[in-house]
Protein backbone atom coordinates (compact mmCIF):
# COMPACT_ATOMS: atom_id res chain seq x y z
CA MET A 1 -9.15 -8.54 35.73
CA GLU A 2 -12.48 -8.41 34.22
CA GLY A 3 -14.01 -10.61 30.99
CA ASN A 4 -11.45 -12.58 29.14
CA LEU A 5 -8.44 -10.65 29.91
CA ARG A 6 -5.56 -12.18 31.89
CA ARG A 7 -2.72 -10.56 34.06
CA VAL A 8 0.77 -12.27 32.28
CA GLY A 9 2.81 -11.07 35.53
CA ALA A 10 4.03 -7.56 35.02
CA ALA A 11 5.31 -7.68 31.60
CA ALA A 12 3.73 -5.19 28.81
CA VAL A 13 2.87 -7.32 25.62
CA PRO A 14 3.29 -5.11 22.36
CA LEU A 15 0.46 -5.55 19.90
CA TYR A 16 1.92 -3.68 17.17
CA LEU A 17 4.66 -6.11 15.81
CA ALA A 18 5.84 -6.31 12.24
CA GLU A 19 8.07 -8.05 9.99
CA ASP A 20 11.47 -6.04 8.42
CA GLY A 21 12.30 -6.77 4.48
CA PRO A 22 12.72 -4.67 1.52
CA GLY A 23 10.76 -5.38 -1.80
CA GLY A 24 7.71 -7.53 -2.43
CA PRO A 25 6.98 -10.98 -3.65
CA PRO A 26 7.27 -11.10 -7.28
CA ASP A 27 3.84 -11.10 -9.07
CA GLU A 28 4.85 -13.87 -11.78
CA HIS A 29 4.44 -16.13 -9.25
CA VAL A 30 0.67 -15.93 -8.86
CA SER A 31 -1.40 -18.93 -9.77
CA LYS A 32 -4.44 -20.89 -9.30
CA PRO A 33 -4.86 -21.95 -5.31
CA PRO A 34 -5.20 -25.77 -4.75
CA LYS A 35 -8.33 -26.93 -3.25
CA LEU A 36 -8.43 -27.34 0.30
CA SER A 37 -11.00 -29.35 2.37
CA VAL A 38 -11.17 -29.82 5.98
CA VAL A 39 -8.60 -32.31 7.78
CA GLY A 40 -10.42 -32.35 10.82
CA GLY A 41 -10.44 -28.60 10.73
CA SER A 42 -13.51 -28.36 12.32
CA GLU A 43 -14.85 -29.48 16.25
CA LYS A 44 -17.55 -31.31 14.98
CA GLY A 45 -17.04 -35.14 15.64
CA ARG A 46 -14.29 -34.25 18.00
CA GLY A 47 -14.45 -35.13 21.76
CA ALA A 48 -14.32 -32.28 24.33
CA ALA A 49 -10.60 -33.34 25.22
CA GLU A 50 -9.36 -32.93 21.78
CA PRO A 51 -8.88 -29.02 20.95
CA LEU A 52 -8.23 -28.00 17.40
CA ALA A 53 -4.24 -28.36 16.78
CA VAL A 54 -2.34 -25.15 15.43
CA LEU A 55 0.83 -24.86 14.10
CA VAL A 56 2.76 -21.61 14.23
CA VAL A 57 5.54 -20.84 12.20
CA GLU A 58 6.90 -17.30 13.25
CA ASP A 59 10.46 -16.37 13.48
CA ASP A 60 9.89 -13.10 15.64
CA PRO A 61 9.85 -14.21 19.65
CA ALA A 62 7.24 -11.51 20.88
CA MET A 63 4.99 -12.51 18.05
CA ARG A 64 5.07 -15.89 18.54
CA MET A 65 4.55 -16.19 21.98
CA LEU A 66 1.55 -13.48 21.60
CA CYS A 67 -0.15 -16.16 19.13
CA GLU A 68 0.64 -19.39 21.25
CA PHE A 69 -0.58 -17.46 24.52
CA ASN A 70 -3.95 -16.32 22.86
CA LEU A 71 -4.50 -19.33 20.58
CA ARG A 72 -3.97 -21.72 24.06
CA ALA A 73 -6.04 -19.20 26.35
CA SER A 74 -8.93 -20.03 23.78
CA GLY A 75 -8.51 -23.58 23.87
CA PHE A 76 -6.46 -24.01 20.90
CA ARG A 77 -3.22 -26.71 21.25
CA VAL A 78 -0.73 -24.97 19.83
CA VAL A 79 3.02 -26.09 19.01
CA THR A 80 5.18 -23.53 17.37
CA ALA A 81 8.68 -23.28 15.04
CA SER A 82 10.78 -20.50 14.58
CA THR A 83 12.08 -21.03 11.14
CA GLY A 84 10.77 -22.41 7.94
CA GLN A 85 12.43 -25.77 8.14
CA GLU A 86 11.24 -26.25 11.97
CA GLY A 87 7.56 -25.69 10.70
CA ILE A 88 8.18 -28.14 7.72
CA GLU A 89 9.63 -30.94 10.10
CA ALA A 90 6.88 -30.09 12.69
CA ALA A 91 4.04 -30.11 10.00
CA ARG A 92 5.58 -33.87 8.61
CA ALA A 93 5.91 -35.20 12.21
CA GLU A 94 2.60 -34.26 13.37
CA ARG A 95 -1.24 -33.50 12.35
CA PHE A 96 -2.35 -30.37 12.39
CA ASP A 97 -6.16 -28.65 11.79
CA LEU A 98 -4.36 -25.12 10.71
CA ILE A 99 -0.90 -24.13 10.33
CA LEU A 100 -0.40 -20.34 10.75
CA LEU A 101 2.69 -19.37 8.99
CA ASP A 102 4.40 -15.81 8.96
CA VAL A 103 5.57 -14.96 4.87
CA MET A 104 8.91 -13.74 6.27
CA LEU A 105 11.15 -16.16 7.91
CA PRO A 106 15.02 -15.96 8.09
CA ASP A 107 15.71 -18.81 6.14
CA LEU A 108 13.02 -20.27 3.78
CA GLY A 109 9.99 -18.02 2.90
CA GLY A 110 6.80 -18.61 3.65
CA PHE A 111 5.47 -19.18 -0.01
CA GLU A 112 8.13 -21.61 -0.19
CA ILE A 113 7.12 -23.45 2.97
CA ALA A 114 3.75 -23.46 1.53
CA GLU A 115 4.76 -25.12 -1.69
CA GLU A 116 6.69 -27.52 0.18
CA LEU A 117 3.82 -28.49 2.21
CA ARG A 118 1.33 -28.83 -0.71
CA ALA A 119 3.78 -31.28 -2.04
CA GLY A 120 3.70 -33.65 0.64
CA GLU A 121 1.10 -36.13 0.58
CA ALA A 122 0.74 -36.00 4.49
CA THR A 123 0.37 -32.14 4.66
CA ARG A 124 -1.17 -31.40 1.44
CA ARG A 125 -4.46 -30.82 2.69
CA VAL A 126 -3.83 -28.91 5.75
CA PRO A 127 -5.30 -25.31 5.67
CA PHE A 128 -2.82 -22.65 6.42
CA VAL A 129 -3.34 -18.90 7.33
CA PHE A 130 -0.45 -16.85 6.21
CA VAL A 131 0.51 -13.52 8.86
CA SER A 132 2.71 -10.67 7.38
CA ALA A 133 3.11 -7.41 7.48
CA ARG A 134 3.07 -7.36 4.22
CA ALA A 135 -0.50 -6.28 2.73
CA SER A 136 -0.64 -4.97 -0.85
CA TRP A 137 -3.03 -6.67 -3.04
CA PRO A 138 -0.54 -8.40 -4.70
CA ASP A 139 0.89 -9.75 -1.40
CA LEU A 140 -2.74 -11.20 -0.89
CA GLN A 141 -3.43 -12.58 -4.32
CA ARG A 142 0.27 -14.42 -4.01
CA GLY A 143 -0.93 -15.80 -0.70
CA ARG A 144 -4.09 -17.11 -1.87
CA ALA A 145 -2.34 -18.48 -5.11
CA ALA A 146 -0.19 -20.26 -2.80
CA GLY A 147 -3.20 -21.90 -1.18
CA ALA A 148 -3.75 -20.00 1.78
CA ILE A 149 -7.23 -19.84 3.16
CA ASP A 150 -6.88 -16.49 4.94
CA TYR A 151 -4.14 -13.89 5.04
CA VAL A 152 -3.95 -11.98 8.06
CA THR A 153 -1.91 -8.44 8.00
CA LYS A 154 0.16 -7.17 11.02
CA PRO A 155 -0.63 -5.67 13.10
CA PHE A 156 -3.37 -7.13 14.06
CA ASP A 157 -5.38 -7.78 17.32
CA PRO A 158 -3.76 -10.87 18.63
CA VAL A 159 -7.19 -11.55 21.52
CA GLN A 160 -9.41 -11.89 17.97
CA LEU A 161 -6.88 -14.49 16.15
CA ALA A 162 -8.31 -17.49 17.75
CA THR A 163 -11.92 -16.30 17.00
CA ARG A 164 -10.77 -15.42 13.14
CA LEU A 165 -9.23 -18.80 13.16
CA ARG A 166 -12.26 -20.75 13.95
CA GLU A 167 -14.06 -18.91 11.56
CA ASP A 168 -11.85 -19.87 9.20
CA LEU A 169 -12.40 -23.45 9.75
CA ASP A 170 -16.20 -23.34 9.81
CA GLU A 171 -16.42 -21.29 6.75
CA LEU A 172 -13.75 -23.77 5.16
CA GLY A 173 -16.05 -26.99 6.02
CA ARG A 174 -19.21 -25.08 4.85
CA GLY A 175 -17.99 -23.53 1.80
CA GLY A 176 -14.62 -24.38 1.01
CA ALA A 177 -11.07 -21.93 0.69
CA GLU A 178 -12.75 -19.83 -1.97
CA ALA A 179 -15.62 -19.17 1.07
CA VAL A 180 -13.18 -18.12 3.25
CA TRP A 181 -11.52 -15.85 1.11
CA GLU A 182 -14.50 -14.33 0.39
CA LEU A 183 -15.24 -14.48 3.56
CA ARG A 184 -12.31 -11.83 4.51
CA PHE A 185 -11.60 -10.17 1.18
CA GLY A 186 -15.26 -10.12 -0.72
CA PRO A 187 -15.75 -11.52 -4.00
CA THR A 188 -12.38 -13.20 -6.09
CA GLU A 189 -12.57 -13.09 -9.60
CA ARG A 190 -13.15 -16.56 -11.56
């Protein structure tokens, strides 16, 4: 095949994946996001043998596989978790440059996981990006208030995911979490 496309057997991989779930997050949980900085989230100072490490916490097997495949193909080292608790355990056990975190998981919600990670000494400075079909402005605001540097809405182009995450980490290194958020969503109220 031409370009960056790769054939994966004869299986077709869907590009539209979304989450099920009624309602939206309550607005009363919106607060000021914590300050974040890059925790090895830039390739500056890294050897060529050390790829960026990403933890993908996603319960949908097809979406998890799609993210993992495209991130690996783009040179990331990827660890996956299918539940919130598995994600928390993986984040505590290993150092990641970024966590890609689904908002709606079967055991713990992404916002709960973010709160748990922000409370831990070893995980509080690891940047994370929410992934969700929930795309209303209050959802995005809640994601930012929880400390996310970006919020990717489903459906999205999985081939572009690695590029977006690299851009997020580069912008985080240059200007911090607010700069990443402004890159993606425009100026925020201060």
